[in-house]
Amino acid sequence: MADRPILFSGAMVRALLNGSKTQTRRTIKMPEWATHVAYDAFHGWRFNSLDHSEPLLLRIDEGDRLWVRESLKIESTDQGVRYPTYAADGAKLWPLSEWTRERNAVPSIHMPRWASRLTLTVTDVRVERLQDCSAADAIAEGIRGNGFEGWVDYSEGDKPCDFLVDPRQSYRTLWNSINGPGAWEANPWVAAYTFTVQRRNIDQLSGTK
């Protein structure tokens, strides 16, 4: 078991907070000749074709704990007192006494471990093509929707512009909004991680400070 950081956009942080996101997919590098990926109890994950078989090393394994990195921004009171908040929902960041930076915003890549408020425990890992994502998987990725119009079209990023009937199509627009135009159509190999979510700092869970 390992502790690792993981980045999420504001929309996906909100999905983690409301309990709708229990999966995430991350691209992995595969050789062009790879045609199949399987899990071998002795060798672990392996990719192969008719003429090759090589080990596939994944950065994240089942049982790992992931501490979520998200963007921060600085707000000010009417008296000019500056305090940090989580950009995804505006919640105040505690403990305030540990905040000494002068920047008005901190991108997720620079969030310190002590500031993380969400911890994910990986319960399942699959290796597959991106478009193998099922409708249930797409919903588990945290896409938004309602019972009347369908699922959000994320073509305009974090500002939904329409609704789609198929959850896989909604997830396609989300993937492209995060990874760039044509990213879904490229159908890359991905590691699909299923996890549980705890709304606590990882070091609070482990009993360390």
N, C-alpha and C. Protein backbone atom coordinates (compact mmCIF):
# COMPACT_ATOMS: atom_id res chain seq x y z
N MET A 1 0.84 -1.20 0.00
CA MET A 1 0.00 0.00 0.00
C MET A 1 0.87 1.24 0.00
N ALA A 2 0.52 2.21 -0.83
CA ALA A 2 1.28 3.45 -0.94
C ALA A 2 0.33 4.64 -0.86
N ASP A 3 0.86 5.78 -0.43
CA ASP A 3 0.12 7.03 -0.42
C ASP A 3 0.61 7.87 -1.61
N ARG A 4 -0.32 8.34 -2.45
CA ARG A 4 0.06 9.09 -3.63
C ARG A 4 -0.88 10.27 -3.83
N PRO A 5 -0.37 11.38 -4.37
CA PRO A 5 -1.24 12.51 -4.72
C PRO A 5 -1.95 12.24 -6.03
N ILE A 6 -3.11 12.87 -6.21
CA ILE A 6 -3.85 12.76 -7.47
C ILE A 6 -4.58 14.07 -7.72
N LEU A 7 -4.55 14.56 -8.95
CA LEU A 7 -5.15 15.84 -9.30
C LEU A 7 -6.58 15.67 -9.78
N PHE A 8 -7.45 16.62 -9.39
CA PHE A 8 -8.82 16.64 -9.89
C PHE A 8 -9.21 18.09 -10.20
N SER A 9 -10.04 18.24 -11.24
CA SER A 9 -10.59 19.55 -11.57
C SER A 9 -11.65 19.94 -10.56
N GLY A 10 -12.08 21.20 -10.61
CA GLY A 10 -13.10 21.67 -9.68
C GLY A 10 -14.39 20.89 -9.79
N ALA A 11 -14.82 20.60 -11.02
CA ALA A 11 -16.07 19.85 -11.22
C ALA A 11 -15.98 18.47 -10.62
N MET A 12 -14.82 17.82 -10.75
CA MET A 12 -14.67 16.47 -10.21
C MET A 12 -14.49 16.48 -8.70
N VAL A 13 -13.91 17.53 -8.15
CA VAL A 13 -13.86 17.66 -6.69
C VAL A 13 -15.27 17.76 -6.13
N ARG A 14 -16.12 18.54 -6.78
CA ARG A 14 -17.51 18.65 -6.32
C ARG A 14 -18.23 17.31 -6.43
N ALA A 15 -17.92 16.53 -7.45
CA ALA A 15 -18.51 15.20 -7.59
C ALA A 15 -18.03 14.26 -6.49
N LEU A 16 -16.77 14.39 -6.09
CA LEU A 16 -16.26 13.60 -4.96
C LEU A 16 -16.97 14.00 -3.67
N LEU A 17 -17.16 15.30 -3.50
CA LEU A 17 -17.80 15.79 -2.28
C LEU A 17 -19.25 15.35 -2.16
N ASN A 18 -19.96 15.30 -3.29
CA ASN A 18 -21.38 14.92 -3.21
C ASN A 18 -21.60 13.42 -3.34
N GLY A 19 -20.51 12.66 -3.48
CA GLY A 19 -20.61 11.20 -3.46
C GLY A 19 -20.93 10.56 -4.80
N SER A 20 -20.98 11.35 -5.88
CA SER A 20 -21.35 10.78 -7.18
C SER A 20 -20.16 10.21 -7.95
N LYS A 21 -18.94 10.55 -7.54
CA LYS A 21 -17.75 10.07 -8.25
C LYS A 21 -17.04 8.99 -7.46
N THR A 22 -16.99 7.79 -8.03
CA THR A 22 -16.30 6.66 -7.39
C THR A 22 -15.32 5.99 -8.35
N GLN A 23 -15.11 6.57 -9.52
CA GLN A 23 -14.14 6.06 -10.49
C GLN A 23 -13.37 7.22 -11.11
N THR A 24 -12.15 6.91 -11.56
CA THR A 24 -11.40 7.86 -12.38
C THR A 24 -10.56 7.07 -13.36
N ARG A 25 -10.36 7.62 -14.55
CA ARG A 25 -9.55 6.99 -15.58
C ARG A 25 -8.35 7.87 -15.88
N ARG A 26 -7.19 7.23 -15.97
CA ARG A 26 -5.95 7.94 -16.28
C ARG A 26 -5.24 7.21 -17.42
N THR A 27 -4.74 7.98 -18.39
CA THR A 27 -4.10 7.38 -19.54
C THR A 27 -2.79 6.71 -19.13
N ILE A 28 -2.45 5.63 -19.82
CA ILE A 28 -1.19 4.94 -19.61
C ILE A 28 -0.52 4.74 -20.96
N LYS A 29 0.80 4.68 -20.95
CA LYS A 29 1.55 4.51 -22.20
C LYS A 29 1.63 3.03 -22.54
N MET A 30 1.27 2.71 -23.77
CA MET A 30 1.33 1.35 -24.27
C MET A 30 2.04 1.36 -25.61
N PRO A 31 2.80 0.30 -25.93
CA PRO A 31 3.42 0.23 -27.26
C PRO A 31 2.37 0.05 -28.35
N GLU A 32 2.69 0.48 -29.55
CA GLU A 32 1.73 0.42 -30.63
C GLU A 32 1.27 -1.00 -30.95
N TRP A 33 2.15 -1.99 -30.67
CA TRP A 33 1.79 -3.35 -31.03
C TRP A 33 0.89 -4.02 -30.00
N ALA A 34 0.68 -3.39 -28.85
CA ALA A 34 -0.12 -4.02 -27.79
C ALA A 34 -1.57 -4.19 -28.24
N THR A 35 -2.09 -5.39 -28.08
CA THR A 35 -3.47 -5.67 -28.49
C THR A 35 -4.33 -6.17 -27.34
N HIS A 36 -3.71 -6.53 -26.21
CA HIS A 36 -4.48 -7.13 -25.13
C HIS A 36 -3.75 -6.89 -23.82
N VAL A 37 -4.53 -6.68 -22.77
CA VAL A 37 -3.97 -6.52 -21.43
C VAL A 37 -4.69 -7.49 -20.50
N ALA A 38 -3.93 -8.17 -19.66
CA ALA A 38 -4.53 -9.13 -18.74
C ALA A 38 -3.79 -9.07 -17.41
N TYR A 39 -4.46 -9.55 -16.37
CA TYR A 39 -3.83 -9.61 -15.06
C TYR A 39 -3.41 -11.04 -14.78
N ASP A 40 -2.14 -11.23 -14.52
CA ASP A 40 -1.58 -12.53 -14.19
C ASP A 40 -1.24 -12.54 -12.70
N ALA A 41 -1.70 -13.53 -11.97
CA ALA A 41 -1.51 -13.56 -10.52
C ALA A 41 -0.04 -13.54 -10.14
N PHE A 42 0.82 -14.06 -11.01
CA PHE A 42 2.25 -14.11 -10.69
C PHE A 42 2.98 -12.87 -11.18
N HIS A 43 2.67 -12.44 -12.41
CA HIS A 43 3.39 -11.34 -13.02
C HIS A 43 2.72 -9.99 -12.85
N GLY A 44 1.46 -9.96 -12.41
CA GLY A 44 0.73 -8.71 -12.36
C GLY A 44 0.17 -8.36 -13.73
N TRP A 45 -0.02 -7.07 -13.99
CA TRP A 45 -0.56 -6.64 -15.27
C TRP A 45 0.46 -6.87 -16.37
N ARG A 46 0.00 -7.39 -17.51
CA ARG A 46 0.87 -7.60 -18.66
C ARG A 46 0.12 -7.22 -19.94
N PHE A 47 0.86 -6.62 -20.88
CA PHE A 47 0.27 -6.36 -22.18
C PHE A 47 0.97 -7.25 -23.20
N ASN A 48 0.26 -7.66 -24.23
CA ASN A 48 0.85 -8.59 -25.18
C ASN A 48 0.15 -8.53 -26.53
N SER A 49 0.79 -9.12 -27.50
CA SER A 49 0.20 -9.41 -28.81
C SER A 49 0.59 -10.85 -29.11
N LEU A 50 0.49 -11.27 -30.35
CA LEU A 50 0.86 -12.63 -30.69
C LEU A 50 2.36 -12.86 -30.52
N ASP A 51 3.15 -11.79 -30.65
CA ASP A 51 4.60 -11.96 -30.66
C ASP A 51 5.31 -11.36 -29.46
N HIS A 52 4.58 -10.71 -28.58
CA HIS A 52 5.23 -10.03 -27.46
C HIS A 52 4.44 -10.27 -26.17
N SER A 53 5.14 -10.17 -25.06
CA SER A 53 4.50 -10.16 -23.75
C SER A 53 5.45 -9.45 -22.79
N GLU A 54 5.01 -8.33 -22.26
CA GLU A 54 5.85 -7.54 -21.37
C GLU A 54 5.05 -7.06 -20.17
N PRO A 55 5.72 -6.84 -19.03
CA PRO A 55 5.01 -6.35 -17.85
C PRO A 55 4.55 -4.91 -18.02
N LEU A 56 3.45 -4.59 -17.42
CA LEU A 56 2.91 -3.23 -17.43
C LEU A 56 2.90 -2.72 -16.00
N LEU A 57 3.69 -1.70 -15.73
CA LEU A 57 3.80 -1.15 -14.39
C LEU A 57 2.84 0.02 -14.24
N LEU A 58 1.89 -0.11 -13.33
CA LEU A 58 0.94 0.97 -13.07
C LEU A 58 1.40 1.78 -11.87
N ARG A 59 1.16 3.07 -11.95
CA ARG A 59 1.57 3.95 -10.84
C ARG A 59 0.73 3.72 -9.60
N ILE A 60 -0.54 3.36 -9.78
CA ILE A 60 -1.48 3.19 -8.66
C ILE A 60 -1.96 1.76 -8.63
N ASP A 61 -1.98 1.16 -7.44
CA ASP A 61 -2.42 -0.22 -7.28
C ASP A 61 -3.61 -0.29 -6.33
N GLU A 62 -4.30 -1.42 -6.35
CA GLU A 62 -5.39 -1.65 -5.41
C GLU A 62 -4.85 -1.57 -3.99
N GLY A 63 -5.57 -0.88 -3.11
CA GLY A 63 -5.14 -0.70 -1.74
C GLY A 63 -4.41 0.61 -1.49
N ASP A 64 -3.94 1.27 -2.55
CA ASP A 64 -3.27 2.56 -2.38
C ASP A 64 -4.25 3.61 -1.88
N ARG A 65 -3.72 4.58 -1.16
CA ARG A 65 -4.52 5.73 -0.72
C ARG A 65 -4.07 6.95 -1.51
N LEU A 66 -5.04 7.70 -2.02
CA LEU A 66 -4.76 8.86 -2.86
C LEU A 66 -5.23 10.13 -2.17
N TRP A 67 -4.34 11.07 -1.96
CA TRP A 67 -4.78 12.34 -1.38
C TRP A 67 -4.99 13.35 -2.52
N VAL A 68 -6.18 13.93 -2.50
CA VAL A 68 -6.64 14.74 -3.61
C VAL A 68 -6.02 16.12 -3.58
N ARG A 69 -5.43 16.49 -4.72
CA ARG A 69 -4.92 17.84 -4.90
C ARG A 69 -5.95 18.64 -5.70
N GLU A 70 -6.32 19.80 -5.19
CA GLU A 70 -7.29 20.67 -5.86
C GLU A 70 -6.82 22.11 -5.75
N SER A 71 -7.39 22.97 -6.57
CA SER A 71 -6.96 24.38 -6.60
C SER A 71 -7.43 25.12 -5.36
N LEU A 72 -6.61 26.09 -4.94
CA LEU A 72 -6.92 26.95 -3.80
C LEU A 72 -6.91 28.40 -4.28
N LYS A 73 -7.66 29.24 -3.58
CA LYS A 73 -7.59 30.67 -3.85
C LYS A 73 -7.72 31.44 -2.53
N ILE A 74 -7.28 32.68 -2.56
CA ILE A 74 -7.25 33.51 -1.36
C ILE A 74 -8.39 34.52 -1.41
N GLU A 75 -9.15 34.58 -0.35
CA GLU A 75 -10.21 35.57 -0.19
C GLU A 75 -9.80 36.56 0.90
N SER A 76 -10.51 37.67 0.97
CA SER A 76 -10.21 38.68 1.99
C SER A 76 -11.49 39.14 2.67
N THR A 77 -11.39 39.39 3.96
CA THR A 77 -12.52 39.95 4.69
C THR A 77 -12.61 41.45 4.42
N ASP A 78 -13.68 42.06 4.90
CA ASP A 78 -13.83 43.51 4.73
C ASP A 78 -12.70 44.28 5.42
N GLN A 79 -12.08 43.64 6.40
CA GLN A 79 -10.97 44.27 7.12
C GLN A 79 -9.62 43.99 6.47
N GLY A 80 -9.65 43.27 5.34
CA GLY A 80 -8.41 43.00 4.63
C GLY A 80 -7.65 41.77 5.11
N VAL A 81 -8.29 40.98 5.96
CA VAL A 81 -7.64 39.75 6.44
C VAL A 81 -7.77 38.68 5.35
N ARG A 82 -6.64 38.14 4.93
CA ARG A 82 -6.62 37.15 3.85
C ARG A 82 -6.75 35.73 4.42
N TYR A 83 -7.54 34.92 3.73
CA TYR A 83 -7.68 33.53 4.16
C TYR A 83 -7.87 32.63 2.94
N PRO A 84 -7.35 31.40 3.00
CA PRO A 84 -7.43 30.50 1.85
C PRO A 84 -8.75 29.74 1.81
N THR A 85 -9.20 29.45 0.59
CA THR A 85 -10.41 28.64 0.40
C THR A 85 -10.13 27.60 -0.70
N TYR A 86 -10.97 26.58 -0.72
CA TYR A 86 -10.94 25.61 -1.82
C TYR A 86 -11.71 26.20 -2.99
N ALA A 87 -11.07 26.27 -4.16
CA ALA A 87 -11.70 26.92 -5.31
C ALA A 87 -12.96 26.19 -5.77
N ALA A 88 -13.05 24.89 -5.56
CA ALA A 88 -14.19 24.11 -6.07
C ALA A 88 -15.51 24.53 -5.46
N ASP A 89 -15.51 24.87 -4.16
CA ASP A 89 -16.78 25.19 -3.49
C ASP A 89 -16.70 26.37 -2.53
N GLY A 90 -15.54 26.99 -2.40
CA GLY A 90 -15.41 28.16 -1.54
C GLY A 90 -15.27 27.86 -0.06
N ALA A 91 -15.17 26.57 0.31
CA ALA A 91 -15.01 26.23 1.72
C ALA A 91 -13.68 26.74 2.24
N LYS A 92 -13.68 27.21 3.49
CA LYS A 92 -12.45 27.73 4.09
C LYS A 92 -11.48 26.58 4.38
N LEU A 93 -10.21 26.92 4.26
CA LEU A 93 -9.14 25.95 4.49
C LEU A 93 -8.59 26.12 5.90
N TRP A 94 -8.54 25.03 6.63
CA TRP A 94 -8.01 25.04 7.99
C TRP A 94 -6.81 24.11 8.07
N PRO A 95 -5.83 24.37 8.95
CA PRO A 95 -5.75 25.51 9.86
C PRO A 95 -5.21 26.75 9.14
N LEU A 96 -5.85 27.88 9.38
CA LEU A 96 -5.45 29.11 8.72
C LEU A 96 -4.04 29.54 9.12
N SER A 97 -3.62 29.20 10.34
CA SER A 97 -2.33 29.65 10.84
C SER A 97 -1.16 29.08 10.04
N GLU A 98 -1.39 27.99 9.28
CA GLU A 98 -0.31 27.39 8.51
C GLU A 98 -0.15 28.03 7.14
N TRP A 99 -1.03 28.98 6.80
CA TRP A 99 -0.98 29.57 5.47
C TRP A 99 -0.12 30.82 5.49
N THR A 100 1.02 30.79 4.79
CA THR A 100 1.93 31.93 4.80
C THR A 100 2.24 32.43 3.39
N ARG A 101 1.65 31.84 2.36
CA ARG A 101 1.97 32.22 0.98
C ARG A 101 1.26 33.52 0.60
N GLU A 102 1.88 34.24 -0.30
CA GLU A 102 1.34 35.53 -0.72
C GLU A 102 0.52 35.45 -2.00
N ARG A 103 0.59 34.35 -2.73
CA ARG A 103 -0.13 34.24 -3.99
C ARG A 103 -1.64 34.25 -3.78
N ASN A 104 -2.37 34.78 -4.77
CA ASN A 104 -3.83 34.84 -4.69
C ASN A 104 -4.49 33.55 -5.13
N ALA A 105 -3.74 32.67 -5.77
CA ALA A 105 -4.28 31.38 -6.20
C ALA A 105 -3.16 30.35 -6.21
N VAL A 106 -3.52 29.12 -5.92
CA VAL A 106 -2.56 28.02 -5.95
C VAL A 106 -3.15 26.91 -6.82
N PRO A 107 -2.54 26.59 -7.95
CA PRO A 107 -3.07 25.50 -8.78
C PRO A 107 -2.97 24.16 -8.07
N SER A 108 -3.80 23.23 -8.49
CA SER A 108 -3.87 21.95 -7.79
C SER A 108 -2.53 21.25 -7.70
N ILE A 109 -1.67 21.38 -8.72
CA ILE A 109 -0.39 20.69 -8.72
C ILE A 109 0.50 21.11 -7.56
N HIS A 110 0.25 22.31 -7.01
CA HIS A 110 1.07 22.82 -5.92
C HIS A 110 0.40 22.72 -4.55
N MET A 111 -0.77 22.10 -4.46
CA MET A 111 -1.41 21.97 -3.15
C MET A 111 -0.54 21.10 -2.24
N PRO A 112 -0.24 21.58 -1.02
CA PRO A 112 0.52 20.75 -0.08
C PRO A 112 -0.33 19.64 0.52
N ARG A 113 0.32 18.58 0.93
CA ARG A 113 -0.39 17.41 1.45
C ARG A 113 -1.26 17.77 2.66
N TRP A 114 -0.77 18.66 3.52
CA TRP A 114 -1.52 18.97 4.74
C TRP A 114 -2.84 19.67 4.43
N ALA A 115 -2.94 20.31 3.23
CA ALA A 115 -4.16 21.04 2.89
C ALA A 115 -5.23 20.16 2.25
N SER A 116 -4.90 18.94 1.88
CA SER A 116 -5.86 18.06 1.22
C SER A 116 -6.98 17.67 2.19
N ARG A 117 -8.22 17.67 1.69
CA ARG A 117 -9.37 17.36 2.53
C ARG A 117 -10.08 16.08 2.11
N LEU A 118 -9.62 15.43 1.04
CA LEU A 118 -10.26 14.23 0.52
C LEU A 118 -9.22 13.12 0.35
N THR A 119 -9.57 11.93 0.81
CA THR A 119 -8.68 10.77 0.66
C THR A 119 -9.45 9.64 -0.01
N LEU A 120 -8.87 9.07 -1.05
CA LEU A 120 -9.49 7.98 -1.80
C LEU A 120 -8.73 6.69 -1.54
N THR A 121 -9.44 5.61 -1.31
CA THR A 121 -8.81 4.30 -1.15
C THR A 121 -9.20 3.45 -2.35
N VAL A 122 -8.21 3.00 -3.12
CA VAL A 122 -8.45 2.26 -4.36
C VAL A 122 -8.91 0.84 -4.03
N THR A 123 -10.06 0.46 -4.56
CA THR A 123 -10.63 -0.87 -4.31
C THR A 123 -10.58 -1.78 -5.52
N ASP A 124 -10.36 -1.21 -6.72
CA ASP A 124 -10.31 -2.04 -7.92
C ASP A 124 -9.54 -1.30 -9.01
N VAL A 125 -8.80 -2.05 -9.82
CA VAL A 125 -8.03 -1.49 -10.93
C VAL A 125 -8.33 -2.32 -12.17
N ARG A 126 -8.63 -1.65 -13.28
CA ARG A 126 -8.79 -2.33 -14.57
C ARG A 126 -7.96 -1.59 -15.61
N VAL A 127 -7.48 -2.31 -16.60
CA VAL A 127 -6.79 -1.71 -17.73
C VAL A 127 -7.63 -1.99 -18.97
N GLU A 128 -7.94 -0.94 -19.71
CA GLU A 128 -8.85 -1.08 -20.85
C GLU A 128 -8.68 0.10 -21.79
N ARG A 129 -9.36 0.04 -22.91
CA ARG A 129 -9.44 1.20 -23.79
C ARG A 129 -10.46 2.17 -23.22
N LEU A 130 -10.23 3.46 -23.44
CA LEU A 130 -11.13 4.47 -22.90
C LEU A 130 -12.57 4.23 -23.30
N GLN A 131 -12.81 3.90 -24.56
CA GLN A 131 -14.18 3.74 -25.04
C GLN A 131 -14.85 2.45 -24.58
N ASP A 132 -14.13 1.61 -23.82
CA ASP A 132 -14.76 0.44 -23.19
C ASP A 132 -15.59 0.84 -21.98
N CYS A 133 -15.50 2.10 -21.58
CA CYS A 133 -16.28 2.63 -20.46
C CYS A 133 -17.77 2.38 -20.71
N SER A 134 -18.43 1.74 -19.76
CA SER A 134 -19.86 1.46 -19.88
C SER A 134 -20.69 2.65 -19.40
N ALA A 135 -22.00 2.58 -19.58
CA ALA A 135 -22.88 3.64 -19.08
C ALA A 135 -22.77 3.76 -17.57
N ALA A 136 -22.70 2.61 -16.87
CA ALA A 136 -22.57 2.64 -15.41
C ALA A 136 -21.23 3.25 -15.00
N ASP A 137 -20.16 2.93 -15.75
CA ASP A 137 -18.85 3.52 -15.47
C ASP A 137 -18.90 5.03 -15.66
N ALA A 138 -19.54 5.48 -16.73
CA ALA A 138 -19.62 6.91 -17.01
C ALA A 138 -20.32 7.65 -15.86
N ILE A 139 -21.39 7.06 -15.34
CA ILE A 139 -22.10 7.68 -14.22
C ILE A 139 -21.22 7.69 -12.98
N ALA A 140 -20.46 6.60 -12.77
CA ALA A 140 -19.55 6.52 -11.62
C ALA A 140 -18.40 7.51 -11.73
N GLU A 141 -18.16 8.04 -12.93
CA GLU A 141 -17.13 9.07 -13.12
C GLU A 141 -17.59 10.43 -12.60
N GLY A 142 -18.86 10.53 -12.20
CA GLY A 142 -19.33 11.76 -11.56
C GLY A 142 -20.00 12.75 -12.47
N ILE A 143 -20.41 12.32 -13.67
CA ILE A 143 -21.11 13.25 -14.56
C ILE A 143 -22.43 13.70 -13.91
N ARG A 144 -22.83 14.89 -14.23
CA ARG A 144 -24.05 15.45 -13.64
C ARG A 144 -25.25 15.26 -14.56
N GLY A 145 -26.41 15.17 -13.97
CA GLY A 145 -27.62 15.07 -14.76
C GLY A 145 -28.85 15.26 -13.89
N ASN A 146 -30.02 15.15 -14.52
CA ASN A 146 -31.25 15.16 -13.75
C ASN A 146 -32.22 14.18 -14.40
N GLY A 147 -33.31 13.93 -13.76
CA GLY A 147 -34.24 12.92 -14.23
C GLY A 147 -35.09 13.32 -15.40
N PHE A 148 -34.97 14.56 -15.86
CA PHE A 148 -35.84 15.06 -16.91
C PHE A 148 -35.10 15.27 -18.24
N GLU A 149 -33.94 15.94 -18.18
CA GLU A 149 -33.26 16.33 -19.42
C GLU A 149 -32.12 15.40 -19.80
N GLY A 150 -31.61 14.60 -18.87
CA GLY A 150 -30.52 13.70 -19.19
C GLY A 150 -29.23 14.07 -18.47
N TRP A 151 -28.11 13.95 -19.19
CA TRP A 151 -26.78 14.14 -18.60
C TRP A 151 -26.10 15.35 -19.22
N VAL A 152 -25.28 16.01 -18.42
CA VAL A 152 -24.67 17.28 -18.81
C VAL A 152 -23.73 17.12 -20.00
N ASP A 153 -23.79 18.07 -20.93
CA ASP A 153 -22.82 18.21 -22.00
C ASP A 153 -21.73 19.17 -21.51
N TYR A 154 -20.49 18.66 -21.39
CA TYR A 154 -19.39 19.45 -20.85
C TYR A 154 -18.56 20.11 -21.95
N SER A 155 -19.13 20.28 -23.12
CA SER A 155 -18.36 20.83 -24.23
C SER A 155 -17.81 22.22 -23.93
N GLU A 156 -18.46 22.94 -23.03
CA GLU A 156 -17.98 24.25 -22.63
C GLU A 156 -17.25 24.20 -21.30
N GLY A 157 -16.65 23.05 -21.00
CA GLY A 157 -15.87 22.90 -19.78
C GLY A 157 -16.76 22.78 -18.56
N ASP A 158 -16.47 23.58 -17.54
CA ASP A 158 -17.20 23.49 -16.28
C ASP A 158 -18.50 24.28 -16.30
N LYS A 159 -18.90 24.78 -17.49
CA LYS A 159 -20.16 25.52 -17.63
C LYS A 159 -21.06 24.74 -18.58
N PRO A 160 -21.87 23.83 -18.05
CA PRO A 160 -22.70 22.97 -18.92
C PRO A 160 -23.56 23.79 -19.87
N CYS A 161 -23.63 23.32 -21.13
CA CYS A 161 -24.38 24.07 -22.14
C CYS A 161 -25.60 23.32 -22.64
N ASP A 162 -25.73 22.03 -22.32
CA ASP A 162 -26.84 21.25 -22.84
C ASP A 162 -26.91 19.94 -22.08
N PHE A 163 -27.89 19.08 -22.46
CA PHE A 163 -28.02 17.77 -21.83
C PHE A 163 -28.03 16.69 -22.90
N LEU A 164 -27.51 15.51 -22.54
CA LEU A 164 -27.41 14.38 -23.45
C LEU A 164 -28.13 13.18 -22.86
N VAL A 165 -28.73 12.34 -23.71
CA VAL A 165 -29.47 11.17 -23.24
C VAL A 165 -28.53 10.07 -22.77
N ASP A 166 -27.42 9.88 -23.47
CA ASP A 166 -26.49 8.79 -23.20
C ASP A 166 -25.41 9.24 -22.21
N PRO A 167 -25.27 8.59 -21.04
CA PRO A 167 -24.22 8.99 -20.09
C PRO A 167 -22.81 8.85 -20.66
N ARG A 168 -22.61 7.89 -21.59
CA ARG A 168 -21.29 7.75 -22.20
C ARG A 168 -20.95 8.97 -23.05
N GLN A 169 -21.94 9.55 -23.70
CA GLN A 169 -21.70 10.75 -24.49
C GLN A 169 -21.39 11.94 -23.58
N SER A 170 -22.04 11.99 -22.45
CA SER A 170 -21.73 13.04 -21.47
C SER A 170 -20.29 12.90 -20.99
N TYR A 171 -19.89 11.67 -20.68
CA TYR A 171 -18.51 11.45 -20.23
C TYR A 171 -17.52 11.77 -21.34
N ARG A 172 -17.88 11.48 -22.58
CA ARG A 172 -17.01 11.83 -23.71
C ARG A 172 -16.74 13.33 -23.73
N THR A 173 -17.79 14.15 -23.54
CA THR A 173 -17.58 15.60 -23.55
C THR A 173 -16.76 16.05 -22.36
N LEU A 174 -16.94 15.37 -21.21
CA LEU A 174 -16.13 15.69 -20.03
C LEU A 174 -14.66 15.36 -20.28
N TRP A 175 -14.39 14.18 -20.83
CA TRP A 175 -13.02 13.76 -21.12
C TRP A 175 -12.35 14.74 -22.07
N ASN A 176 -13.05 15.13 -23.13
CA ASN A 176 -12.47 16.06 -24.10
C ASN A 176 -12.26 17.45 -23.50
N SER A 177 -13.16 17.87 -22.59
CA SER A 177 -12.99 19.19 -21.98
C SER A 177 -11.76 19.23 -21.08
N ILE A 178 -11.37 18.09 -20.51
CA ILE A 178 -10.20 18.02 -19.62
C ILE A 178 -8.92 17.74 -20.41
N ASN A 179 -9.01 16.85 -21.40
CA ASN A 179 -7.82 16.35 -22.08
C ASN A 179 -7.59 16.94 -23.47
N GLY A 180 -8.56 17.72 -23.96
CA GLY A 180 -8.38 18.38 -25.25
C GLY A 180 -9.24 17.77 -26.34
N PRO A 181 -9.52 18.54 -27.40
CA PRO A 181 -10.36 18.06 -28.51
C PRO A 181 -9.78 16.78 -29.12
N GLY A 182 -10.66 15.82 -29.38
CA GLY A 182 -10.22 14.58 -30.00
C GLY A 182 -9.63 13.56 -29.06
N ALA A 183 -9.54 13.87 -27.77
CA ALA A 183 -8.92 12.94 -26.83
C ALA A 183 -9.73 11.66 -26.68
N TRP A 184 -11.07 11.78 -26.68
CA TRP A 184 -11.92 10.58 -26.60
C TRP A 184 -11.79 9.76 -27.88
N GLU A 185 -11.82 10.42 -29.01
CA GLU A 185 -11.77 9.74 -30.29
C GLU A 185 -10.46 8.96 -30.47
N ALA A 186 -9.38 9.41 -29.82
CA ALA A 186 -8.10 8.70 -29.89
C ALA A 186 -8.16 7.34 -29.20
N ASN A 187 -9.13 7.18 -28.29
CA ASN A 187 -9.36 5.90 -27.60
C ASN A 187 -8.08 5.33 -26.98
N PRO A 188 -7.43 6.07 -26.09
CA PRO A 188 -6.18 5.59 -25.51
C PRO A 188 -6.42 4.45 -24.51
N TRP A 189 -5.34 3.75 -24.18
CA TRP A 189 -5.38 2.80 -23.07
C TRP A 189 -5.45 3.61 -21.77
N VAL A 190 -6.25 3.14 -20.83
CA VAL A 190 -6.39 3.81 -19.54
C VAL A 190 -6.37 2.80 -18.40
N ALA A 191 -5.98 3.28 -17.24
CA ALA A 191 -6.18 2.52 -16.00
C ALA A 191 -7.44 3.09 -15.36
N ALA A 192 -8.42 2.23 -15.12
CA ALA A 192 -9.68 2.64 -14.51
C ALA A 192 -9.65 2.27 -13.04
N TYR A 193 -9.68 3.28 -12.18
CA TYR A 193 -9.58 3.06 -10.73
C TYR A 193 -10.94 3.28 -10.08
N THR A 194 -11.37 2.31 -9.28
CA THR A 194 -12.56 2.45 -8.45
C THR A 194 -12.09 2.69 -7.02
N PHE A 195 -12.79 3.54 -6.28
CA PHE A 195 -12.31 3.92 -4.95
C PHE A 195 -13.46 4.29 -4.03
N THR A 196 -13.17 4.29 -2.74
CA THR A 196 -14.06 4.86 -1.75
C THR A 196 -13.52 6.24 -1.38
N VAL A 197 -14.40 7.11 -0.90
CA VAL A 197 -14.03 8.50 -0.61
C VAL A 197 -14.22 8.78 0.86
N GLN A 198 -13.21 9.36 1.48
CA GLN A 198 -13.32 9.82 2.86
C GLN A 198 -13.00 11.31 2.89
N ARG A 199 -13.85 12.06 3.54
CA ARG A 199 -13.71 13.51 3.56
C ARG A 199 -12.84 13.93 4.74
N ARG A 200 -11.61 13.45 4.72
CA ARG A 200 -10.63 13.78 5.75
C ARG A 200 -9.25 13.81 5.13
N ASN A 201 -8.35 14.54 5.76
CA ASN A 201 -6.96 14.56 5.34
C ASN A 201 -6.34 13.19 5.56
N ILE A 202 -5.48 12.77 4.66
CA ILE A 202 -4.90 11.44 4.71
C ILE A 202 -4.13 11.19 5.99
N ASP A 203 -3.46 12.21 6.54
CA ASP A 203 -2.70 12.01 7.76
C ASP A 203 -3.58 11.97 9.00
N GLN A 204 -4.76 12.53 8.91
CA GLN A 204 -5.73 12.36 9.99
C GLN A 204 -6.24 10.92 10.02
N LEU A 205 -6.38 10.32 8.85
CA LEU A 205 -6.82 8.92 8.79
C LEU A 205 -5.78 7.98 9.35
N SER A 206 -4.52 8.28 9.09
CA SER A 206 -3.46 7.39 9.54
C SER A 206 -3.01 7.68 10.97
N GLY A 207 -3.58 8.73 11.56
CA GLY A 207 -3.24 9.04 12.94
C GLY A 207 -1.96 9.83 13.10
N THR A 208 -1.43 10.38 11.99
CA THR A 208 -0.22 11.19 12.06
C THR A 208 -0.54 12.61 11.68
N LYS A 209 0.29 13.49 12.07
CA LYS A 209 0.11 14.91 11.78
C LYS A 209 1.25 15.41 10.92
